[in-house]
Amino acid sequence: MAVTFALALGSTGSLAQRIENRKDRQVARTNQGIRSGELTDKEAARLKARQANLNRKIRQDRQDGPGLTPAERARIEQRQDQISRDLARQKHDGQKK
């Protein structure tokens, strides 16, 4: 029983860490796009606002109960996927700062 509990805690922690790591990578990609001129100011502001909204949602979901539910994690990952796709699209759309 203790092993099962420990495994559950470990996997929950790694899922939370995966969300955080991904968030950090997307922020770094956005900042790199700003520095390189691949993102216009408007594109960068829009992407940063979407990431900030997602960060607020993650904090709210974590405060609602003991961690994130599987459904909450799935929604977060879907939104991260969408932001990532939009970031890639904006960086390679040919518009320069």
PDB file of N, CA and C in Angstrom:
ATOM      1  N   MET A   1       0.826  -1.189   0.000  1.00  0.00           N
ATOM      2  CA  MET A   1       0.000   0.000   0.000  1.00  0.00           C
ATOM      3  C   MET A   1       0.876   1.260   0.000  1.00  0.00           C
ATOM      4  N   ALA A   2       1.913   1.268   0.813  1.00  0.00           N
ATOM      5  CA  ALA A   2       2.800   2.431   0.873  1.00  0.00           C
ATOM      6  C   ALA A   2       3.496   2.654  -0.466  1.00  0.00           C
ATOM      7  N   VAL A   3       3.836   1.550  -1.137  1.00  0.00           N
ATOM      8  CA  VAL A   3       4.496   1.664  -2.439  1.00  0.00           C
ATOM      9  C   VAL A   3       3.546   2.306  -3.448  1.00  0.00           C
ATOM     10  N   THR A   4       2.284   1.886  -3.441  1.00  0.00           N
ATOM     11  CA  THR A   4       1.293   2.459  -4.348  1.00  0.00           C
ATOM     12  C   THR A   4       1.136   3.948  -4.088  1.00  0.00           C
ATOM     13  N   PHE A   5       1.055   4.327  -2.815  1.00  0.00           N
ATOM     14  CA  PHE A   5       0.918   5.733  -2.452  1.00  0.00           C
ATOM     15  C   PHE A   5       2.136   6.525  -2.915  1.00  0.00           C
ATOM     16  N   ALA A   6       3.312   5.977  -2.702  1.00  0.00           N
ATOM     17  CA  ALA A   6       4.539   6.658  -3.115  1.00  0.00           C
ATOM     18  C   ALA A   6       4.586   6.810  -4.632  1.00  0.00           C
ATOM     19  N   LEU A   7       4.169   5.770  -5.352  1.00  0.00           N
ATOM     20  CA  LEU A   7       4.145   5.864  -6.809  1.00  0.00           C
ATOM     21  C   LEU A   7       3.154   6.918  -7.272  1.00  0.00           C
ATOM     22  N   ALA A   8       2.004   6.972  -6.617  1.00  0.00           N
ATOM     23  CA  ALA A   8       0.995   7.974  -6.977  1.00  0.00           C
ATOM     24  C   ALA A   8       1.529   9.378  -6.739  1.00  0.00           C
ATOM     25  N   LEU A   9       2.179   9.573  -5.606  1.00  0.00           N
ATOM     26  CA  LEU A   9       2.750  10.894  -5.320  1.00  0.00           C
ATOM     27  C   LEU A   9       3.838  11.248  -6.323  1.00  0.00           C
ATOM     28  N   GLY A  10       4.675  10.280  -6.647  1.00  0.00           N
ATOM     29  CA  GLY A  10       5.756  10.533  -7.597  1.00  0.00           C
ATOM     30  C   GLY A  10       5.233  10.898  -8.968  1.00  0.00           C
ATOM     31  N   SER A  11       4.215  10.186  -9.424  1.00  0.00           N
ATOM     32  CA  SER A  11       3.692  10.478 -10.755  1.00  0.00           C
ATOM     33  C   SER A  11       2.974  11.817 -10.782  1.00  0.00           C
ATOM     34  N   THR A  12       2.270  12.160  -9.705  1.00  0.00           N
ATOM     35  CA  THR A  12       1.605  13.460  -9.637  1.00  0.00           C
ATOM     36  C   THR A  12       2.646  14.569  -9.670  1.00  0.00           C
ATOM     37  N   GLY A  13       3.725  14.379  -8.914  1.00  0.00           N
ATOM     38  CA  GLY A  13       4.788  15.376  -8.901  1.00  0.00           C
ATOM     39  C   GLY A  13       5.433  15.531 -10.263  1.00  0.00           C
ATOM     40  N   SER A  14       5.655  14.413 -10.947  1.00  0.00           N
ATOM     41  CA  SER A  14       6.305  14.508 -12.253  1.00  0.00           C
ATOM     42  C   SER A  14       5.375  15.146 -13.283  1.00  0.00           C
ATOM     43  N   LEU A  15       4.062  14.899 -13.170  1.00  0.00           N
ATOM     44  CA  LEU A  15       3.110  15.548 -14.079  1.00  0.00           C
ATOM     45  C   LEU A  15       3.091  17.051 -13.848  1.00  0.00           C
ATOM     46  N   ALA A  16       3.084  17.444 -12.588  1.00  0.00           N
ATOM     47  CA  ALA A  16       3.111  18.872 -12.264  1.00  0.00           C
ATOM     48  C   ALA A  16       4.412  19.492 -12.760  1.00  0.00           C
ATOM     49  N   GLN A  17       5.512  18.758 -12.593  1.00  0.00           N
ATOM     50  CA  GLN A  17       6.807  19.265 -13.046  1.00  0.00           C
ATOM     51  C   GLN A  17       6.833  19.384 -14.566  1.00  0.00           C
ATOM     52  N   ARG A  18       6.198  18.441 -15.245  1.00  0.00           N
ATOM     53  CA  ARG A  18       6.148  18.490 -16.707  1.00  0.00           C
ATOM     54  C   ARG A  18       5.414  19.744 -17.180  1.00  0.00           C
ATOM     55  N   ILE A  19       4.312  20.075 -16.513  1.00  0.00           N
ATOM     56  CA  ILE A  19       3.561  21.286 -16.857  1.00  0.00           C
ATOM     57  C   ILE A  19       4.432  22.517 -16.637  1.00  0.00           C
ATOM     58  N   GLU A  20       5.126  22.558 -15.495  1.00  0.00           N
ATOM     59  CA  GLU A  20       5.998  23.704 -15.189  1.00  0.00           C
ATOM     60  C   GLU A  20       7.153  23.811 -16.184  1.00  0.00           C
ATOM     61  N   ASN A  21       7.779  22.681 -16.496  1.00  0.00           N
ATOM     62  CA  ASN A  21       8.898  22.701 -17.449  1.00  0.00           C
ATOM     63  C   ASN A  21       8.446  23.191 -18.816  1.00  0.00           C
ATOM     64  N   ARG A  22       7.285  22.732 -19.221  1.00  0.00           N
ATOM     65  CA  ARG A  22       6.764  23.135 -20.524  1.00  0.00           C
ATOM     66  C   ARG A  22       6.452  24.628 -20.543  1.00  0.00           C
ATOM     67  N   LYS A  23       5.881  25.111 -19.448  1.00  0.00           N
ATOM     68  CA  LYS A  23       5.589  26.543 -19.333  1.00  0.00           C
ATOM     69  C   LYS A  23       6.889  27.340 -19.462  1.00  0.00           C
ATOM     70  N   ASP A  24       7.926  26.906 -18.761  1.00  0.00           N
ATOM     71  CA  ASP A  24       9.216  27.598 -18.813  1.00  0.00           C
ATOM     72  C   ASP A  24       9.805  27.587 -20.227  1.00  0.00           C
ATOM     73  N   ARG A  25       9.689  26.447 -20.926  1.00  0.00           N
ATOM     74  CA  ARG A  25      10.216  26.367 -22.297  1.00  0.00           C
ATOM     75  C   ARG A  25       9.461  27.303 -23.237  1.00  0.00           C
ATOM     76  N   GLN A  26       8.143  27.407 -23.051  1.00  0.00           N
ATOM     77  CA  GLN A  26       7.367  28.292 -23.922  1.00  0.00           C
ATOM     78  C   GLN A  26       7.708  29.755 -23.671  1.00  0.00           C
ATOM     79  N   VAL A  27       7.944  30.111 -22.425  1.00  0.00           N
ATOM     80  CA  VAL A  27       8.363  31.480 -22.112  1.00  0.00           C
ATOM     81  C   VAL A  27       9.720  31.755 -22.764  1.00  0.00           C
ATOM     82  N   ALA A  28      10.635  30.789 -22.669  1.00  0.00           N
ATOM     83  CA  ALA A  28      11.956  30.961 -23.275  1.00  0.00           C
ATOM     84  C   ALA A  28      11.847  31.086 -24.796  1.00  0.00           C
ATOM     85  N   ARG A  29      10.982  30.282 -25.419  1.00  0.00           N
ATOM     86  CA  ARG A  29      10.784  30.361 -26.873  1.00  0.00           C
ATOM     87  C   ARG A  29      10.211  31.719 -27.271  1.00  0.00           C
ATOM     88  N   THR A  30       9.273  32.222 -26.475  1.00  0.00           N
ATOM     89  CA  THR A  30       8.690  33.536 -26.760  1.00  0.00           C
ATOM     90  C   THR A  30       9.765  34.613 -26.654  1.00  0.00           C
ATOM     91  N   ASN A  31      10.543  34.571 -25.586  1.00  0.00           N
ATOM     92  CA  ASN A  31      11.605  35.569 -25.401  1.00  0.00           C
ATOM     93  C   ASN A  31      12.637  35.496 -26.522  1.00  0.00           C
ATOM     94  N   GLN A  32      12.969  34.290 -26.959  1.00  0.00           N
ATOM     95  CA  GLN A  32      13.918  34.129 -28.059  1.00  0.00           C
ATOM     96  C   GLN A  32      13.338  34.728 -29.337  1.00  0.00           C
ATOM     97  N   GLY A  33      12.048  34.526 -29.562  1.00  0.00           N
ATOM     98  CA  GLY A  33      11.388  35.091 -30.742  1.00  0.00           C
ATOM     99  C   GLY A  33      11.386  36.609 -30.729  1.00  0.00           C
ATOM    100  N   ILE A  34      11.249  37.182 -29.544  1.00  0.00           N
ATOM    101  CA  ILE A  34      11.301  38.645 -29.407  1.00  0.00           C
ATOM    102  C   ILE A  34      12.708  39.141 -29.736  1.00  0.00           C
ATOM    103  N   ARG A  35      13.719  38.490 -29.135  1.00  0.00           N
ATOM    104  CA  ARG A  35      15.108  38.905 -29.357  1.00  0.00           C
ATOM    105  C   ARG A  35      15.512  38.787 -30.825  1.00  0.00           C
ATOM    106  N   SER A  36      15.074  37.719 -31.476  1.00  0.00           N
ATOM    107  CA  SER A  36      15.480  37.485 -32.866  1.00  0.00           C
ATOM    108  C   SER A  36      14.675  38.312 -33.862  1.00  0.00           C
ATOM    109  N   GLY A  37      13.576  38.909 -33.388  1.00  0.00           N
ATOM    110  CA  GLY A  37      12.720  39.677 -34.282  1.00  0.00           C
ATOM    111  C   GLY A  37      11.696  38.820 -35.012  1.00  0.00           C
ATOM    112  N   GLU A  38      11.652  37.511 -34.714  1.00  0.00           N
ATOM    113  CA  GLU A  38      10.684  36.622 -35.367  1.00  0.00           C
ATOM    114  C   GLU A  38       9.253  36.913 -34.921  1.00  0.00           C
ATOM    115  N   LEU A  39       9.101  37.474 -33.725  1.00  0.00           N
ATOM    116  CA  LEU A  39       7.782  37.844 -33.213  1.00  0.00           C
ATOM    117  C   LEU A  39       7.656  39.359 -33.203  1.00  0.00           C
ATOM    118  N   THR A  40       6.536  39.856 -33.689  1.00  0.00           N
ATOM    119  CA  THR A  40       6.265  41.283 -33.570  1.00  0.00           C
ATOM    120  C   THR A  40       5.860  41.566 -32.125  1.00  0.00           C
ATOM    121  N   ASP A  41       5.858  42.831 -31.756  1.00  0.00           N
ATOM    122  CA  ASP A  41       5.452  43.191 -30.397  1.00  0.00           C
ATOM    123  C   ASP A  41       4.026  42.733 -30.108  1.00  0.00           C
ATOM    124  N   LYS A  42       3.157  42.887 -31.092  1.00  0.00           N
ATOM    125  CA  LYS A  42       1.756  42.495 -30.918  1.00  0.00           C
ATOM    126  C   LYS A  42       1.618  40.976 -30.751  1.00  0.00           C
ATOM    127  N   GLU A  43       2.350  40.218 -31.567  1.00  0.00           N
ATOM    128  CA  GLU A  43       2.311  38.758 -31.453  1.00  0.00           C
ATOM    129  C   GLU A  43       2.818  38.311 -30.088  1.00  0.00           C
ATOM    130  N   ALA A  44       3.933  38.900 -29.654  1.00  0.00           N
ATOM    131  CA  ALA A  44       4.513  38.535 -28.363  1.00  0.00           C
ATOM    132  C   ALA A  44       3.558  38.872 -27.223  1.00  0.00           C
ATOM    133  N   ALA A  45       2.939  40.034 -27.279  1.00  0.00           N
ATOM    134  CA  ALA A  45       2.003  40.437 -26.223  1.00  0.00           C
ATOM    135  C   ALA A  45       0.821  39.479 -26.156  1.00  0.00           C
ATOM    136  N   ARG A  46       0.314  39.090 -27.305  1.00  0.00           N
ATOM    137  CA  ARG A  46      -0.827  38.169 -27.350  1.00  0.00           C
ATOM    138  C   ARG A  46      -0.440  36.800 -26.761  1.00  0.00           C
ATOM    139  N   LEU A  47       0.730  36.289 -27.145  1.00  0.00           N
ATOM    140  CA  LEU A  47       1.182  34.997 -26.630  1.00  0.00           C
ATOM    141  C   LEU A  47       1.436  35.056 -25.125  1.00  0.00           C
ATOM    142  N   LYS A  48       2.050  36.148 -24.670  1.00  0.00           N
ATOM    143  CA  LYS A  48       2.311  36.291 -23.233  1.00  0.00           C
ATOM    144  C   LYS A  48       1.012  36.384 -22.443  1.00  0.00           C
ATOM    145  N   ALA A  49       0.020  37.074 -22.985  1.00  0.00           N
ATOM    146  CA  ALA A  49      -1.272  37.186 -22.300  1.00  0.00           C
ATOM    147  C   ALA A  49      -1.949  35.823 -22.201  1.00  0.00           C
ATOM    148  N   ARG A  50      -1.885  35.050 -23.267  1.00  0.00           N
ATOM    149  CA  ARG A  50      -2.490  33.715 -23.233  1.00  0.00           C
ATOM    150  C   ARG A  50      -1.787  32.826 -22.218  1.00  0.00           C
ATOM    151  N   GLN A  51      -0.455  32.908 -22.156  1.00  0.00           N
ATOM    152  CA  GLN A  51       0.286  32.107 -21.180  1.00  0.00           C
ATOM    153  C   GLN A  51      -0.045  32.568 -19.764  1.00  0.00           C
ATOM    154  N   ALA A  52      -0.165  33.870 -19.540  1.00  0.00           N
ATOM    155  CA  ALA A  52      -0.518  34.390 -18.211  1.00  0.00           C
ATOM    156  C   ALA A  52      -1.907  33.915 -17.799  1.00  0.00           C
ATOM    157  N   ASN A  53      -2.859  33.905 -18.741  1.00  0.00           N
ATOM    158  CA  ASN A  53      -4.199  33.399 -18.428  1.00  0.00           C
ATOM    159  C   ASN A  53      -4.147  31.927 -18.050  1.00  0.00           C
ATOM    160  N   LEU A  54      -3.355  31.157 -18.771  1.00  0.00           N
ATOM    161  CA  LEU A  54      -3.219  29.736 -18.450  1.00  0.00           C
ATOM    162  C   LEU A  54      -2.565  29.557 -17.084  1.00  0.00           C
ATOM    163  N   ASN A  55      -1.557  30.362 -16.779  1.00  0.00           N
ATOM    164  CA  ASN A  55      -0.901  30.270 -15.472  1.00  0.00           C
ATOM    165  C   ASN A  55      -1.888  30.549 -14.341  1.00  0.00           C
ATOM    166  N   ARG A  56      -2.769  31.544 -14.534  1.00  0.00           N
ATOM    167  CA  ARG A  56      -3.803  31.836 -13.531  1.00  0.00           C
ATOM    168  C   ARG A  56      -4.740  30.648 -13.355  1.00  0.00           C
ATOM    169  N   LYS A  57      -5.128  30.037 -14.464  1.00  0.00           N
ATOM    170  CA  LYS A  57      -6.018  28.877 -14.422  1.00  0.00           C
ATOM    171  C   LYS A  57      -5.356  27.715 -13.683  1.00  0.00           C
ATOM    172  N   ILE A  58      -4.078  27.497 -13.923  1.00  0.00           N
ATOM    173  CA  ILE A  58      -3.349  26.424 -13.242  1.00  0.00           C
ATOM    174  C   ILE A  58      -3.337  26.679 -11.739  1.00  0.00           C
ATOM    175  N   ARG A  59      -3.035  27.924 -11.336  1.00  0.00           N
ATOM    176  CA  ARG A  59      -3.023  28.253  -9.898  1.00  0.00           C
ATOM    177  C   ARG A  59      -4.397  28.030  -9.276  1.00  0.00           C
ATOM    178  N   GLN A  60      -5.452  28.465  -9.964  1.00  0.00           N
ATOM    179  CA  GLN A  60      -6.814  28.284  -9.443  1.00  0.00           C
ATOM    180  C   GLN A  60      -7.150  26.804  -9.307  1.00  0.00           C
ATOM    181  N   ASP A  61      -6.817  26.018 -10.315  1.00  0.00           N
ATOM    182  CA  ASP A  61      -7.110  24.586 -10.267  1.00  0.00           C
ATOM    183  C   ASP A  61      -6.377  23.914  -9.112  1.00  0.00           C
ATOM    184  N   ARG A  62      -5.148  24.321  -8.866  1.00  0.00           N
ATOM    185  CA  ARG A  62      -4.379  23.713  -7.771  1.00  0.00           C
ATOM    186  C   ARG A  62      -4.950  24.106  -6.410  1.00  0.00           C
ATOM    187  N   GLN A  63      -5.512  25.310  -6.303  1.00  0.00           N
ATOM    188  CA  GLN A  63      -6.074  25.772  -5.033  1.00  0.00           C
ATOM    189  C   GLN A  63      -7.433  25.153  -4.750  1.00  0.00           C
ATOM    190  N   ASP A  64      -8.118  24.681  -5.789  1.00  0.00           N
ATOM    191  CA  ASP A  64      -9.457  24.107  -5.623  1.00  0.00           C
ATOM    192  C   ASP A  64      -9.456  22.784  -4.870  1.00  0.00           C
ATOM    193  N   GLY A  65      -8.354  22.106  -4.833  1.00  0.00           N
ATOM    194  CA  GLY A  65      -8.333  20.806  -4.170  1.00  0.00           C
ATOM    195  C   GLY A  65      -6.919  20.277  -4.087  1.00  0.00           C
ATOM    196  N   PRO A  66      -6.823  18.999  -3.800  1.00  0.00           N
ATOM    197  CA  PRO A  66      -5.485  18.394  -3.644  1.00  0.00           C
ATOM    198  C   PRO A  66      -4.831  18.124  -4.997  1.00  0.00           C
ATOM    199  N   GLY A  67      -4.264  19.127  -5.578  1.00  0.00           N
ATOM    200  CA  GLY A  67      -3.591  18.965  -6.862  1.00  0.00           C
ATOM    201  C   GLY A  67      -4.543  19.072  -8.032  1.00  0.00           C
ATOM    202  N   LEU A  68      -4.046  18.701  -9.187  1.00  0.00           N
ATOM    203  CA  LEU A  68      -4.830  18.781 -10.415  1.00  0.00           C
ATOM    204  C   LEU A  68      -5.501  17.441 -10.692  1.00  0.00           C
ATOM    205  N   THR A  69      -6.743  17.498 -11.114  1.00  0.00           N
ATOM    206  CA  THR A  69      -7.440  16.275 -11.508  1.00  0.00           C
ATOM    207  C   THR A  69      -6.956  15.875 -12.901  1.00  0.00           C
ATOM    208  N   PRO A  70      -7.178  14.638 -13.293  1.00  0.00           N
ATOM    209  CA  PRO A  70      -6.799  14.232 -14.654  1.00  0.00           C
ATOM    210  C   PRO A  70      -7.460  15.100 -15.727  1.00  0.00           C
ATOM    211  N   ALA A  71      -8.706  15.487 -15.521  1.00  0.00           N
ATOM    212  CA  ALA A  71      -9.397  16.341 -16.497  1.00  0.00           C
ATOM    213  C   ALA A  71      -8.745  17.719 -16.564  1.00  0.00           C
ATOM    214  N   GLU A  72      -8.364  18.269 -15.405  1.00  0.00           N
ATOM    215  CA  GLU A  72      -7.704  19.582 -15.390  1.00  0.00           C
ATOM    216  C   GLU A  72      -6.357  19.505 -16.099  1.00  0.00           C
ATOM    217  N   ARG A  73      -5.597  18.433 -15.818  1.00  0.00           N
ATOM    218  CA  ARG A  73      -4.300  18.264 -16.486  1.00  0.00           C
ATOM    219  C   ARG A  73      -4.476  18.173 -17.999  1.00  0.00           C
ATOM    220  N   ALA A  74      -5.492  17.438 -18.432  1.00  0.00           N
ATOM    221  CA  ALA A  74      -5.736  17.290 -19.872  1.00  0.00           C
ATOM    222  C   ALA A  74      -6.061  18.637 -20.509  1.00  0.00           C
ATOM    223  N   ARG A  75      -6.899  19.435 -19.834  1.00  0.00           N
ATOM    224  CA  ARG A  75      -7.242  20.759 -20.379  1.00  0.00           C
ATOM    225  C   ARG A  75      -6.017  21.664 -20.428  1.00  0.00           C
ATOM    226  N   ILE A  76      -5.197  21.604 -19.387  1.00  0.00           N
ATOM    227  CA  ILE A  76      -3.982  22.420 -19.353  1.00  0.00           C
ATOM    228  C   ILE A  76      -3.056  22.023 -20.498  1.00  0.00           C
ATOM    229  N   GLU A  77      -2.863  20.720 -20.681  1.00  0.00           N
ATOM    230  CA  GLU A  77      -1.976  20.267 -21.748  1.00  0.00           C
ATOM    231  C   GLU A  77      -2.524  20.629 -23.125  1.00  0.00           C
ATOM    232  N   GLN A  78      -3.840  20.583 -23.302  1.00  0.00           N
ATOM    233  CA  GLN A  78      -4.434  21.002 -24.577  1.00  0.00           C
ATOM    234  C   GLN A  78      -4.165  22.480 -24.836  1.00  0.00           C
ATOM    235  N   ARG A  79      -4.322  23.300 -23.794  1.00  0.00           N
ATOM    236  CA  ARG A  79      -4.064  24.733 -23.966  1.00  0.00           C
ATOM    237  C   ARG A  79      -2.588  24.989 -24.221  1.00  0.00           C
ATOM    238  N   GLN A  80      -1.706  24.236 -23.540  1.00  0.00           N
ATOM    239  CA  GLN A  80      -0.278  24.385 -23.797  1.00  0.00           C
ATOM    240  C   GLN A  80       0.052  23.975 -25.235  1.00  0.00           C
ATOM    241  N   ASP A  81      -0.589  22.914 -25.716  1.00  0.00           N
ATOM    242  CA  ASP A  81      -0.379  22.490 -27.106  1.00  0.00           C
ATOM    243  C   ASP A  81      -0.769  23.602 -28.071  1.00  0.00           C
ATOM    244  N   GLN A  82      -1.917  24.216 -27.820  1.00  0.00           N
ATOM    245  CA  GLN A  82      -2.407  25.272 -28.710  1.00  0.00           C
ATOM    246  C   GLN A  82      -1.472  26.483 -28.689  1.00  0.00           C
ATOM    247  N   ILE A  83      -1.046  26.880 -27.497  1.00  0.00           N
ATOM    248  CA  ILE A  83      -0.117  28.011 -27.389  1.00  0.00           C
ATOM    249  C   ILE A  83       1.186  27.685 -28.112  1.00  0.00           C
ATOM    250  N   SER A  84       1.678  26.458 -27.956  1.00  0.00           N
ATOM    251  CA  SER A  84       2.914  26.051 -28.613  1.00  0.00           C
ATOM    252  C   SER A  84       2.778  26.097 -30.135  1.00  0.00           C
ATOM    253  N   ARG A  85       1.665  25.587 -30.653  1.00  0.00           N
ATOM    254  CA  ARG A  85       1.435  25.632 -32.110  1.00  0.00           C
ATOM    255  C   ARG A  85       1.357  27.075 -32.602  1.00  0.00           C
ATOM    256  N   ASP A  86       0.633  27.908 -31.862  1.00  0.00           N
ATOM    257  CA  ASP A  86       0.499  29.312 -32.258  1.00  0.00           C
ATOM    258  C   ASP A  86       1.845  30.028 -32.205  1.00  0.00           C
ATOM    259  N   LEU A  87       2.634  29.715 -31.203  1.00  0.00           N
ATOM    260  CA  LEU A  87       3.964  30.313 -31.077  1.00  0.00           C
ATOM    261  C   LEU A  87       4.823  29.929 -32.279  1.00  0.00           C
ATOM    262  N   ALA A  88       4.828  28.662 -32.633  1.00  0.00           N
ATOM    263  CA  ALA A  88       5.614  28.217 -33.790  1.00  0.00           C
ATOM    264  C   ALA A  88       5.117  28.893 -35.066  1.00  0.00           C
ATOM    265  N   ARG A  89       3.814  28.959 -35.224  1.00  0.00           N
ATOM    266  CA  ARG A  89       3.233  29.579 -36.419  1.00  0.00           C
ATOM    267  C   ARG A  89       3.621  31.060 -36.497  1.00  0.00           C
ATOM    268  N   GLN A  90       3.526  31.760 -35.373  1.00  0.00           N
ATOM    269  CA  GLN A  90       3.847  33.189 -35.364  1.00  0.00           C
ATOM    270  C   GLN A  90       5.334  33.435 -35.620  1.00  0.00           C
ATOM    271  N   LYS A  91       6.187  32.573 -35.071  1.00  0.00           N
ATOM    272  CA  LYS A  91       7.626  32.760 -35.267  1.00  0.00           C
ATOM    273  C   LYS A  91       8.041  32.552 -36.721  1.00  0.00           C
ATOM    274  N   HIS A  92       7.277  31.753 -37.453  1.00  0.00           N
ATOM    275  CA  HIS A  92       7.678  31.403 -38.818  1.00  0.00           C
ATOM    276  C   HIS A  92       6.737  31.960 -39.879  1.00  0.00           C
ATOM    277  N   ASP A  93       5.990  33.005 -39.523  1.00  0.00           N
ATOM    278  CA  ASP A  93       5.025  33.558 -40.480  1.00  0.00           C
ATOM    279  C   ASP A  93       5.622  34.635 -41.388  1.00  0.00           C
ATOM    280  N   GLY A  94       6.897  34.904 -41.221  1.00  0.00           N
ATOM    281  CA  GLY A  94       7.553  35.868 -42.102  1.00  0.00           C
ATOM    282  C   GLY A  94       7.438  37.313 -41.657  1.00  0.00           C
ATOM    283  N   GLN A  95       6.619  37.588 -40.651  1.00  0.00           N
ATOM    284  CA  GLN A  95       6.521  38.958 -40.140  1.00  0.00           C
ATOM    285  C   GLN A  95       7.722  39.225 -39.247  1.00  0.00           C
ATOM    286  N   LYS A  96       8.307  40.361 -39.428  1.00  0.00           N
ATOM    287  CA  LYS A  96       9.468  40.737 -38.615  1.00  0.00           C
ATOM    288  C   LYS A  96       9.141  41.962 -37.800  1.00  0.00           C
ATOM    289  N   LYS A  97       9.801  42.087 -36.694  1.00  0.00           N
ATOM    290  CA  LYS A  97       9.633  43.213 -35.779  1.00  0.00           C
ATOM    291  C   LYS A  97      10.055  44.499 -36.430  1.00  0.00           C
TER     292      LYS A  97
END
